[in-house]
Amino acid sequence: MKPVEYLKSIKTELKHVSWPTKKQAMAFSVIVVVISVATSLYLGFFDFIFSKILEFFVL
């Protein structure tokens, strides 16, 4: 397949994509940020706890 044909087929396929609205994209972005922050806090909490436990046994 030639590069020009390939690019034309990509353009055709992109017309079939169901793109999210601006409101949906913003909502999904907020969800991703909230879940990322919650996960980092969760993991940070356990990292802190386990490091204190390890520090207790090592020192």
PDB file of N, CA and C in Angstrom:
ATOM      1  N   MET A   1       0.851  -1.179   0.000  1.00  0.00           N
ATOM      2  CA  MET A   1       0.000   0.000   0.000  1.00  0.00           C
ATOM      3  C   MET A   1       0.894   1.239   0.000  1.00  0.00           C
ATOM      4  N   LYS A   2       0.560   2.166  -0.834  1.00  0.00           N
ATOM      5  CA  LYS A   2       1.338   3.395  -0.930  1.00  0.00           C
ATOM      6  C   LYS A   2       0.994   4.319   0.238  1.00  0.00           C
ATOM      7  N   PRO A   3       1.928   5.172   0.642  1.00  0.00           N
ATOM      8  CA  PRO A   3       1.667   6.083   1.770  1.00  0.00           C
ATOM      9  C   PRO A   3       0.444   6.980   1.567  1.00  0.00           C
ATOM     10  N   VAL A   4       0.212   7.455   0.362  1.00  0.00           N
ATOM     11  CA  VAL A   4      -0.923   8.339   0.103  1.00  0.00           C
ATOM     12  C   VAL A   4      -2.237   7.566   0.288  1.00  0.00           C
ATOM     13  N   GLU A   5      -2.283   6.345  -0.217  1.00  0.00           N
ATOM     14  CA  GLU A   5      -3.476   5.514  -0.045  1.00  0.00           C
ATOM     15  C   GLU A   5      -3.725   5.220   1.429  1.00  0.00           C
ATOM     16  N   TYR A   6      -2.641   4.964   2.143  1.00  0.00           N
ATOM     17  CA  TYR A   6      -2.740   4.681   3.569  1.00  0.00           C
ATOM     18  C   TYR A   6      -3.339   5.877   4.318  1.00  0.00           C
ATOM     19  N   LEU A   7      -2.852   7.071   4.025  1.00  0.00           N
ATOM     20  CA  LEU A   7      -3.364   8.278   4.676  1.00  0.00           C
ATOM     21  C   LEU A   7      -4.829   8.528   4.323  1.00  0.00           C
ATOM     22  N   LYS A   8      -5.214   8.243   3.094  1.00  0.00           N
ATOM     23  CA  LYS A   8      -6.619   8.400   2.700  1.00  0.00           C
ATOM     24  C   LYS A   8      -7.504   7.419   3.464  1.00  0.00           C
ATOM     25  N   SER A   9      -7.009   6.192   3.648  1.00  0.00           N
ATOM     26  CA  SER A   9      -7.806   5.203   4.383  1.00  0.00           C
ATOM     27  C   SER A   9      -7.932   5.593   5.854  1.00  0.00           C
ATOM     28  N   ILE A  10      -6.881   6.192   6.390  1.00  0.00           N
ATOM     29  CA  ILE A  10      -6.945   6.672   7.778  1.00  0.00           C
ATOM     30  C   ILE A  10      -8.016   7.760   7.894  1.00  0.00           C
ATOM     31  N   LYS A  11      -8.017   8.684   6.961  1.00  0.00           N
ATOM     32  CA  LYS A  11      -8.995   9.778   6.976  1.00  0.00           C
ATOM     33  C   LYS A  11     -10.416   9.219   6.905  1.00  0.00           C
ATOM     34  N   THR A  12     -10.615   8.206   6.073  1.00  0.00           N
ATOM     35  CA  THR A  12     -11.937   7.585   5.944  1.00  0.00           C
ATOM     36  C   THR A  12     -12.345   6.914   7.247  1.00  0.00           C
ATOM     37  N   GLU A  13     -11.433   6.187   7.865  1.00  0.00           N
ATOM     38  CA  GLU A  13     -11.731   5.499   9.126  1.00  0.00           C
ATOM     39  C   GLU A  13     -12.025   6.481  10.258  1.00  0.00           C
ATOM     40  N   LEU A  14     -11.328   7.601  10.287  1.00  0.00           N
ATOM     41  CA  LEU A  14     -11.552   8.593  11.339  1.00  0.00           C
ATOM     42  C   LEU A  14     -12.941   9.222  11.258  1.00  0.00           C
ATOM     43  N   LYS A  15     -13.549   9.182  10.090  1.00  0.00           N
ATOM     44  CA  LYS A  15     -14.913   9.689   9.960  1.00  0.00           C
ATOM     45  C   LYS A  15     -15.912   8.780  10.668  1.00  0.00           C
ATOM     46  N   HIS A  16     -15.556   7.514  10.872  1.00  0.00           N
ATOM     47  CA  HIS A  16     -16.431   6.545  11.520  1.00  0.00           C
ATOM     48  C   HIS A  16     -16.286   6.555  13.047  1.00  0.00           C
ATOM     49  N   VAL A  17     -15.300   7.275  13.545  1.00  0.00           N
ATOM     50  CA  VAL A  17     -15.046   7.305  14.983  1.00  0.00           C
ATOM     51  C   VAL A  17     -16.108   8.147  15.678  1.00  0.00           C
ATOM     52  N   SER A  18     -16.565   7.659  16.808  1.00  0.00           N
ATOM     53  CA  SER A  18     -17.529   8.406  17.615  1.00  0.00           C
ATOM     54  C   SER A  18     -16.744   9.233  18.637  1.00  0.00           C
ATOM     55  N   TRP A  19     -16.541  10.495  18.333  1.00  0.00           N
ATOM     56  CA  TRP A  19     -15.735  11.364  19.187  1.00  0.00           C
ATOM     57  C   TRP A  19     -16.573  11.858  20.363  1.00  0.00           C
ATOM     58  N   PRO A  20     -15.968  11.968  21.561  1.00  0.00           N
ATOM     59  CA  PRO A  20     -16.715  12.491  22.715  1.00  0.00           C
ATOM     60  C   PRO A  20     -16.960  13.990  22.563  1.00  0.00           C
ATOM     61  N   THR A  21     -18.020  14.450  23.211  1.00  0.00           N
ATOM     62  CA  THR A  21     -18.286  15.886  23.213  1.00  0.00           C
ATOM     63  C   THR A  21     -17.285  16.562  24.159  1.00  0.00           C
ATOM     64  N   LYS A  22     -17.252  17.876  24.105  1.00  0.00           N
ATOM     65  CA  LYS A  22     -16.340  18.615  24.980  1.00  0.00           C
ATOM     66  C   LYS A  22     -16.690  18.351  26.450  1.00  0.00           C
ATOM     67  N   LYS A  23     -17.987  18.294  26.743  1.00  0.00           N
ATOM     68  CA  LYS A  23     -18.440  18.043  28.113  1.00  0.00           C
ATOM     69  C   LYS A  23     -18.011  16.649  28.585  1.00  0.00           C
ATOM     70  N   GLN A  24     -18.140  15.652  27.721  1.00  0.00           N
ATOM     71  CA  GLN A  24     -17.723  14.295  28.075  1.00  0.00           C
ATOM     72  C   GLN A  24     -16.217  14.223  28.285  1.00  0.00           C
ATOM     73  N   ALA A  25     -15.464  14.866  27.406  1.00  0.00           N
ATOM     74  CA  ALA A  25     -14.004  14.849  27.516  1.00  0.00           C
ATOM     75  C   ALA A  25     -13.556  15.490  28.827  1.00  0.00           C
ATOM     76  N   MET A  26     -14.186  16.599  29.199  1.00  0.00           N
ATOM     77  CA  MET A  26     -13.848  17.257  30.463  1.00  0.00           C
ATOM     78  C   MET A  26     -14.203  16.368  31.649  1.00  0.00           C
ATOM     79  N   ALA A  27     -15.364  15.731  31.604  1.00  0.00           N
ATOM     80  CA  ALA A  27     -15.795  14.857  32.700  1.00  0.00           C
ATOM     81  C   ALA A  27     -14.842  13.675  32.853  1.00  0.00           C
ATOM     82  N   PHE A  28     -14.459  13.054  31.739  1.00  0.00           N
ATOM     83  CA  PHE A  28     -13.536  11.923  31.797  1.00  0.00           C
ATOM     84  C   PHE A  28     -12.165  12.365  32.310  1.00  0.00           C
ATOM     85  N   SER A  29     -11.737  13.551  31.920  1.00  0.00           N
ATOM     86  CA  SER A  29     -10.446  14.065  32.386  1.00  0.00           C
ATOM     87  C   SER A  29     -10.465  14.289  33.899  1.00  0.00           C
ATOM     88  N   VAL A  30     -11.565  14.850  34.398  1.00  0.00           N
ATOM     89  CA  VAL A  30     -11.697  15.070  35.839  1.00  0.00           C
ATOM     90  C   VAL A  30     -11.685  13.738  36.572  1.00  0.00           C
ATOM     91  N   ILE A  31     -12.383  12.743  36.040  1.00  0.00           N
ATOM     92  CA  ILE A  31     -12.409  11.420  36.662  1.00  0.00           C
ATOM     93  C   ILE A  31     -11.003  10.827  36.722  1.00  0.00           C
ATOM     94  N   VAL A  32     -10.257  10.943  35.647  1.00  0.00           N
ATOM     95  CA  VAL A  32      -8.889  10.413  35.617  1.00  0.00           C
ATOM     96  C   VAL A  32      -8.012  11.111  36.651  1.00  0.00           C
ATOM     97  N   VAL A  33      -8.118  12.428  36.748  1.00  0.00           N
ATOM     98  CA  VAL A  33      -7.305  13.175  37.719  1.00  0.00           C
ATOM     99  C   VAL A  33      -7.686  12.793  39.150  1.00  0.00           C
ATOM    100  N   VAL A  34      -8.978  12.690  39.433  1.00  0.00           N
ATOM    101  CA  VAL A  34      -9.433  12.341  40.783  1.00  0.00           C
ATOM    102  C   VAL A  34      -8.965  10.946  41.162  1.00  0.00           C
ATOM    103  N   ILE A  35      -9.115   9.985  40.257  1.00  0.00           N
ATOM    104  CA  ILE A  35      -8.675   8.620  40.550  1.00  0.00           C
ATOM    105  C   ILE A  35      -7.158   8.571  40.717  1.00  0.00           C
ATOM    106  N   SER A  36      -6.421   9.323  39.923  1.00  0.00           N
ATOM    107  CA  SER A  36      -4.962   9.353  40.041  1.00  0.00           C
ATOM    108  C   SER A  36      -4.528   9.925  41.385  1.00  0.00           C
ATOM    109  N   VAL A  37      -5.156  11.010  41.808  1.00  0.00           N
ATOM    110  CA  VAL A  37      -4.818  11.614  43.102  1.00  0.00           C
ATOM    111  C   VAL A  37      -5.181  10.663  44.245  1.00  0.00           C
ATOM    112  N   ALA A  38      -6.363  10.046  44.163  1.00  0.00           N
ATOM    113  CA  ALA A  38      -6.784   9.114  45.206  1.00  0.00           C
ATOM    114  C   ALA A  38      -5.833   7.920  45.288  1.00  0.00           C
ATOM    115  N   THR A  39      -5.421   7.400  44.154  1.00  0.00           N
ATOM    116  CA  THR A  39      -4.495   6.269  44.129  1.00  0.00           C
ATOM    117  C   THR A  39      -3.141   6.662  44.706  1.00  0.00           C
ATOM    118  N   SER A  40      -2.658   7.847  44.361  1.00  0.00           N
ATOM    119  CA  SER A  40      -1.361   8.279  44.885  1.00  0.00           C
ATOM    120  C   SER A  40      -1.419   8.498  46.398  1.00  0.00           C
ATOM    121  N   LEU A  41      -2.519   9.027  46.890  1.00  0.00           N
ATOM    122  CA  LEU A  41      -2.669   9.195  48.337  1.00  0.00           C
ATOM    123  C   LEU A  41      -2.744   7.841  49.044  1.00  0.00           C
ATOM    124  N   TYR A  42      -3.476   6.917  48.472  1.00  0.00           N
ATOM    125  CA  TYR A  42      -3.617   5.569  49.022  1.00  0.00           C
ATOM    126  C   TYR A  42      -2.248   4.872  49.090  1.00  0.00           C
ATOM    127  N   LEU A  43      -1.531   4.892  47.969  1.00  0.00           N
ATOM    128  CA  LEU A  43      -0.216   4.248  47.941  1.00  0.00           C
ATOM    129  C   LEU A  43       0.791   4.990  48.820  1.00  0.00           C
ATOM    130  N   GLY A  44       0.716   6.305  48.853  1.00  0.00           N
ATOM    131  CA  GLY A  44       1.606   7.093  49.703  1.00  0.00           C
ATOM    132  C   GLY A  44       1.381   6.805  51.167  1.00  0.00           C
ATOM    133  N   PHE A  45       0.127   6.623  51.563  1.00  0.00           N
ATOM    134  CA  PHE A  45      -0.197   6.296  52.947  1.00  0.00           C
ATOM    135  C   PHE A  45       0.437   4.969  53.347  1.00  0.00           C
ATOM    136  N   PHE A  46       0.250   3.933  52.517  1.00  0.00           N
ATOM    137  CA  PHE A  46       0.813   2.634  52.845  1.00  0.00           C
ATOM    138  C   PHE A  46       2.337   2.632  52.772  1.00  0.00           C
ATOM    139  N   ASP A  47       2.901   3.403  51.862  1.00  0.00           N
ATOM    140  CA  ASP A  47       4.356   3.532  51.806  1.00  0.00           C
ATOM    141  C   ASP A  47       4.880   4.143  53.105  1.00  0.00           C
ATOM    142  N   PHE A  48       4.195   5.160  53.593  1.00  0.00           N
ATOM    143  CA  PHE A  48       4.587   5.800  54.848  1.00  0.00           C
ATOM    144  C   PHE A  48       4.496   4.815  56.011  1.00  0.00           C
ATOM    145  N   ILE A  49       3.389   4.087  56.095  1.00  0.00           N
ATOM    146  CA  ILE A  49       3.181   3.126  57.177  1.00  0.00           C
ATOM    147  C   ILE A  49       4.250   2.033  57.140  1.00  0.00           C
ATOM    148  N   PHE A  50       4.464   1.442  55.955  1.00  0.00           N
ATOM    149  CA  PHE A  50       5.442   0.364  55.856  1.00  0.00           C
ATOM    150  C   PHE A  50       6.863   0.852  56.096  1.00  0.00           C
ATOM    151  N   SER A  51       7.176   2.074  55.700  1.00  0.00           N
ATOM    152  CA  SER A  51       8.515   2.594  55.955  1.00  0.00           C
ATOM    153  C   SER A  51       8.722   2.825  57.453  1.00  0.00           C
ATOM    154  N   LYS A  52       7.682   3.255  58.156  1.00  0.00           N
ATOM    155  CA  LYS A  52       7.790   3.425  59.616  1.00  0.00           C
ATOM    156  C   LYS A  52       7.943   2.074  60.312  1.00  0.00           C
ATOM    157  N   ILE A  53       7.220   1.054  59.848  1.00  0.00           N
ATOM    158  CA  ILE A  53       7.363  -0.285  60.408  1.00  0.00           C
ATOM    159  C   ILE A  53       8.759  -0.818  60.167  1.00  0.00           C
ATOM    160  N   LEU A  54       9.257  -0.670  58.946  1.00  0.00           N
ATOM    161  CA  LEU A  54      10.602  -1.130  58.626  1.00  0.00           C
ATOM    162  C   LEU A  54      11.642  -0.368  59.434  1.00  0.00           C
ATOM    163  N   GLU A  55      11.454   0.925  59.572  1.00  0.00           N
ATOM    164  CA  GLU A  55      12.362   1.751  60.356  1.00  0.00           C
ATOM    165  C   GLU A  55      12.378   1.291  61.823  1.00  0.00           C
ATOM    166  N   PHE A  56      11.231   0.895  62.344  1.00  0.00           N
ATOM    167  CA  PHE A  56      11.143   0.413  63.713  1.00  0.00           C
ATOM    168  C   PHE A  56      11.980  -0.851  63.898  1.00  0.00           C
ATOM    169  N   PHE A  57      11.918  -1.767  62.948  1.00  0.00           N
ATOM    170  CA  PHE A  57      12.638  -3.026  63.066  1.00  0.00           C
ATOM    171  C   PHE A  57      14.128  -2.893  62.751  1.00  0.00           C
ATOM    172  N   VAL A  58      14.498  -1.982  61.898  1.00  0.00           N
ATOM    173  CA  VAL A  58      15.893  -1.841  61.488  1.00  0.00           C
ATOM    174  C   VAL A  58      16.685  -1.021  62.496  1.00  0.00           C
ATOM    175  N   LEU A  59      16.098   0.022  63.034  1.00  0.00           N
ATOM    176  CA  LEU A  59      16.837   0.905  63.955  1.00  0.00           C
ATOM    177  C   LEU A  59      16.661   0.524  65.384  1.00  0.00           C
TER     178      LEU A  59
END
